[in-house]
């Protein structure tokens, strides 16, 4: 089976998520960016399961999270901050300090629209 065939096809693709859960984290590295796309809306049925899966990547998540933070998708940032980033251990969260401070102190339009202040403040207090 090609690992790319395990990328969910729709927001309720529980079958593929179940197969993803059976894979070693190392096998999923090649599809990590595609998996993170399923965190664009935390209300999607598979979002929490995908979050659980990608948490296993630990520090390897940092460049991918930074890419999301550098996008113009405030909704995606909101759900990644409230779900995935909020669950990261302090040592990994420290790697995102600069990005969190920038979003709090100099937010882009999409970040202002999503009102990220509270979650950003909370995360920064955790790593202070």
C-alpha atoms as a PDB file:
ATOM      1  CA  UNK A   1       0.000   0.000   0.000  1.00  0.00           C
ATOM      2  CA  UNK A   2       1.229   3.450  -0.933  1.00  0.00           C
ATOM      3  CA  UNK A   3       1.200   5.658   2.187  1.00  0.00           C
ATOM      4  CA  UNK A   4      -0.224   8.546   0.135  1.00  0.00           C
ATOM      5  CA  UNK A   5      -3.339   6.441  -0.348  1.00  0.00           C
ATOM      6  CA  UNK A   6      -4.010   6.892   3.375  1.00  0.00           C
ATOM      7  CA  UNK A   7      -4.498  10.655   3.183  1.00  0.00           C
ATOM      8  CA  UNK A   8      -8.160  11.291   4.054  1.00  0.00           C
ATOM      9  CA  UNK A   9     -10.355  12.171   1.092  1.00  0.00           C
ATOM     10  CA  UNK A  10     -13.106  13.973   3.006  1.00  0.00           C
ATOM     11  CA  UNK A  11     -13.793  15.395   6.462  1.00  0.00           C
ATOM     12  CA  UNK A  12     -15.522  12.210   7.627  1.00  0.00           C
ATOM     13  CA  UNK A  13     -12.997   9.717   6.243  1.00  0.00           C
ATOM     14  CA  UNK A  14     -12.821   7.704   9.465  1.00  0.00           C
ATOM     15  CA  UNK A  15     -11.759   4.588   7.543  1.00  0.00           C
ATOM     16  CA  UNK A  16      -8.495   6.147   6.344  1.00  0.00           C
ATOM     17  CA  UNK A  17      -7.865   7.732   9.742  1.00  0.00           C
ATOM     18  CA  UNK A  18      -8.202   4.288  11.302  1.00  0.00           C
ATOM     19  CA  UNK A  19      -5.564   2.969   8.886  1.00  0.00           C
ATOM     20  CA  UNK A  20      -3.316   5.958   9.645  1.00  0.00           C
ATOM     21  CA  UNK A  21      -3.456   5.139  13.344  1.00  0.00           C
ATOM     22  CA  UNK A  22      -2.035   1.695  12.590  1.00  0.00           C
ATOM     23  CA  UNK A  23       1.043   3.126  10.873  1.00  0.00           C
ATOM     24  CA  UNK A  24       4.331   3.922  12.592  1.00  0.00           C
ATOM     25  CA  UNK A  25       4.863   7.682  12.790  1.00  0.00           C
ATOM     26  CA  UNK A  26       7.975   7.401  10.611  1.00  0.00           C
ATOM     27  CA  UNK A  27       5.858   6.060   7.725  1.00  0.00           C
ATOM     28  CA  UNK A  28       3.625   9.131   7.866  1.00  0.00           C
ATOM     29  CA  UNK A  29       6.393  11.716   7.568  1.00  0.00           C
ATOM     30  CA  UNK A  30       5.981  12.015   3.800  1.00  0.00           C
ATOM     31  CA  UNK A  31       2.275  12.941   4.154  1.00  0.00           C
ATOM     32  CA  UNK A  32       2.571  15.186   7.220  1.00  0.00           C
ATOM     33  CA  UNK A  33       1.763  18.410   5.290  1.00  0.00           C
ATOM     34  CA  UNK A  34      -1.375  16.805   3.852  1.00  0.00           C
ATOM     35  CA  UNK A  35      -2.432  15.575   7.285  1.00  0.00           C
ATOM     36  CA  UNK A  36      -2.036  19.046   8.764  1.00  0.00           C
ATOM     37  CA  UNK A  37      -4.461  20.369   6.162  1.00  0.00           C
ATOM     38  CA  UNK A  38      -7.167  18.380   7.968  1.00  0.00           C
ATOM     39  CA  UNK A  39      -6.687  20.694  10.947  1.00  0.00           C
ATOM     40  CA  UNK A  40      -8.058  23.664   8.996  1.00  0.00           C
ATOM     41  CA  UNK A  41     -11.363  23.222  10.786  1.00  0.00           C
ATOM     42  CA  UNK A  42     -11.423  21.695  14.248  1.00  0.00           C
ATOM     43  CA  UNK A  43     -15.116  20.914  13.814  1.00  0.00           C
ATOM     44  CA  UNK A  44     -14.452  18.320  11.119  1.00  0.00           C
ATOM     45  CA  UNK A  45     -15.074  14.796  12.425  1.00  0.00           C
ATOM     46  CA  UNK A  46     -11.501  13.642  11.725  1.00  0.00           C
ATOM     47  CA  UNK A  47      -9.677  16.743  13.005  1.00  0.00           C
ATOM     48  CA  UNK A  48      -9.108  15.545  16.593  1.00  0.00           C
ATOM     49  CA  UNK A  49      -7.886  12.123  15.431  1.00  0.00           C
ATOM     50  CA  UNK A  50      -5.468  13.730  12.966  1.00  0.00           C
ATOM     51  CA  UNK A  51      -4.256  15.986  15.779  1.00  0.00           C
ATOM     52  CA  UNK A  52      -3.596  12.910  17.923  1.00  0.00           C
ATOM     53  CA  UNK A  53      -1.680  11.268  15.072  1.00  0.00           C
ATOM     54  CA  UNK A  54       0.540  14.239  14.212  1.00  0.00           C
ATOM     55  CA  UNK A  55       1.396  14.971  17.853  1.00  0.00           C
ATOM     56  CA  UNK A  56       3.679  11.947  17.579  1.00  0.00           C
ATOM     57  CA  UNK A  57       6.004  13.957  15.333  1.00  0.00           C
ATOM     58  CA  UNK A  58       7.025  16.234  18.207  1.00  0.00           C
ATOM     59  CA  UNK A  59       9.754  18.691  17.258  1.00  0.00           C
ATOM     60  CA  UNK A  60       9.419  17.727  13.576  1.00  0.00           C
ATOM     61  CA  UNK A  61       6.111  19.626  13.572  1.00  0.00           C
ATOM     62  CA  UNK A  62       7.799  22.994  14.045  1.00  0.00           C
ATOM     63  CA  UNK A  63       8.584  23.886  10.392  1.00  0.00           C
ATOM     64  CA  UNK A  64       5.105  22.778   9.362  1.00  0.00           C
ATOM     65  CA  UNK A  65       3.416  24.816  12.081  1.00  0.00           C
ATOM     66  CA  UNK A  66       5.542  27.823  11.126  1.00  0.00           C
ATOM     67  CA  UNK A  67       4.349  27.425   7.529  1.00  0.00           C
ATOM     68  CA  UNK A  68       0.754  27.573   8.768  1.00  0.00           C
ATOM     69  CA  UNK A  69       1.558  30.625  10.895  1.00  0.00           C
ATOM     70  CA  UNK A  70       3.010  32.319   7.802  1.00  0.00           C
ATOM     71  CA  UNK A  71      -0.124  31.683   5.766  1.00  0.00           C
ATOM     72  CA  UNK A  72      -3.092  34.034   5.424  1.00  0.00           C
ATOM     73  CA  UNK A  73      -5.513  31.460   6.805  1.00  0.00           C
ATOM     74  CA  UNK A  74      -6.557  32.830  10.185  1.00  0.00           C
ATOM     75  CA  UNK A  75      -9.077  30.053  10.724  1.00  0.00           C
ATOM     76  CA  UNK A  76      -6.394  27.398  10.256  1.00  0.00           C
ATOM     77  CA  UNK A  77      -4.116  29.262  12.691  1.00  0.00           C
ATOM     78  CA  UNK A  78      -6.966  29.430  15.196  1.00  0.00           C
ATOM     79  CA  UNK A  79      -7.614  25.693  15.128  1.00  0.00           C
ATOM     80  CA  UNK A  80      -3.920  24.770  15.120  1.00  0.00           C
ATOM     81  CA  UNK A  81      -3.276  27.044  18.100  1.00  0.00           C
ATOM     82  CA  UNK A  82      -6.278  25.858  20.101  1.00  0.00           C
ATOM     83  CA  UNK A  83      -5.814  22.191  19.266  1.00  0.00           C
ATOM     84  CA  UNK A  84      -2.366  21.051  18.221  1.00  0.00           C
ATOM     85  CA  UNK A  85      -0.079  23.795  19.567  1.00  0.00           C
ATOM     86  CA  UNK A  86      -1.961  23.954  22.862  1.00  0.00           C
ATOM     87  CA  UNK A  87      -1.131  20.262  23.380  1.00  0.00           C
ATOM     88  CA  UNK A  88       2.595  20.537  22.667  1.00  0.00           C
ATOM     89  CA  UNK A  89       4.994  20.094  25.586  1.00  0.00           C
ATOM     90  CA  UNK A  90       6.746  23.213  26.826  1.00  0.00           C
ATOM     91  CA  UNK A  91      10.145  22.338  25.299  1.00  0.00           C
ATOM     92  CA  UNK A  92       8.626  22.129  21.812  1.00  0.00           C
ATOM     93  CA  UNK A  93       6.384  25.132  22.382  1.00  0.00           C
ATOM     94  CA  UNK A  94       9.506  27.181  23.129  1.00  0.00           C
ATOM     95  CA  UNK A  95      10.511  26.710  19.487  1.00  0.00           C
ATOM     96  CA  UNK A  96       7.425  28.717  18.492  1.00  0.00           C
ATOM     97  CA  UNK A  97       7.927  31.612  20.919  1.00  0.00           C
ATOM     98  CA  UNK A  98       9.011  34.110  18.274  1.00  0.00           C
ATOM     99  CA  UNK A  99       5.997  33.321  16.080  1.00  0.00           C
ATOM    100  CA  UNK A 100       3.581  33.486  19.013  1.00  0.00           C
ATOM    101  CA  UNK A 101       4.994  36.839  20.116  1.00  0.00           C
ATOM    102  CA  UNK A 102       4.784  38.214  16.589  1.00  0.00           C
ATOM    103  CA  UNK A 103       1.129  37.186  16.235  1.00  0.00           C
ATOM    104  CA  UNK A 104       0.292  38.722  19.604  1.00  0.00           C
ATOM    105  CA  UNK A 105       2.240  41.976  19.203  1.00  0.00           C
ATOM    106  CA  UNK A 106       1.981  42.539  15.466  1.00  0.00           C
ATOM    107  CA  UNK A 107      -0.968  40.493  14.170  1.00  0.00           C
ATOM    108  CA  UNK A 108      -1.819  40.262  10.505  1.00  0.00           C
ATOM    109  CA  UNK A 109      -5.348  41.048   9.346  1.00  0.00           C
ATOM    110  CA  UNK A 110      -6.446  37.399   9.409  1.00  0.00           C
ATOM    111  CA  UNK A 111      -5.010  36.978  12.919  1.00  0.00           C
ATOM    112  CA  UNK A 112      -6.893  40.050  14.137  1.00  0.00           C
ATOM    113  CA  UNK A 113     -10.099  38.742  12.581  1.00  0.00           C
ATOM    114  CA  UNK A 114      -9.755  35.421  14.445  1.00  0.00           C
ATOM    115  CA  UNK A 115      -9.083  37.178  17.769  1.00  0.00           C
ATOM    116  CA  UNK A 116      -6.131  35.000  18.707  1.00  0.00           C
ATOM    117  CA  UNK A 117      -4.985  37.196  21.617  1.00  0.00           C
ATOM    118  CA  UNK A 118      -6.274  34.977  24.440  1.00  0.00           C
ATOM    119  CA  UNK A 119      -4.762  31.723  23.192  1.00  0.00           C
ATOM    120  CA  UNK A 120      -1.484  33.437  22.278  1.00  0.00           C
ATOM    121  CA  UNK A 121      -1.232  35.016  25.729  1.00  0.00           C
ATOM    122  CA  UNK A 122      -2.011  31.687  27.377  1.00  0.00           C
ATOM    123  CA  UNK A 123       0.661  29.860  25.351  1.00  0.00           C
ATOM    124  CA  UNK A 124       3.273  32.526  26.015  1.00  0.00           C
ATOM    125  CA  UNK A 125       2.539  32.423  29.744  1.00  0.00           C
ATOM    126  CA  UNK A 126       3.170  28.662  29.677  1.00  0.00           C
ATOM    127  CA  UNK A 127       6.659  29.158  28.303  1.00  0.00           C
ATOM    128  CA  UNK A 128       7.564  32.309  30.271  1.00  0.00           C
END
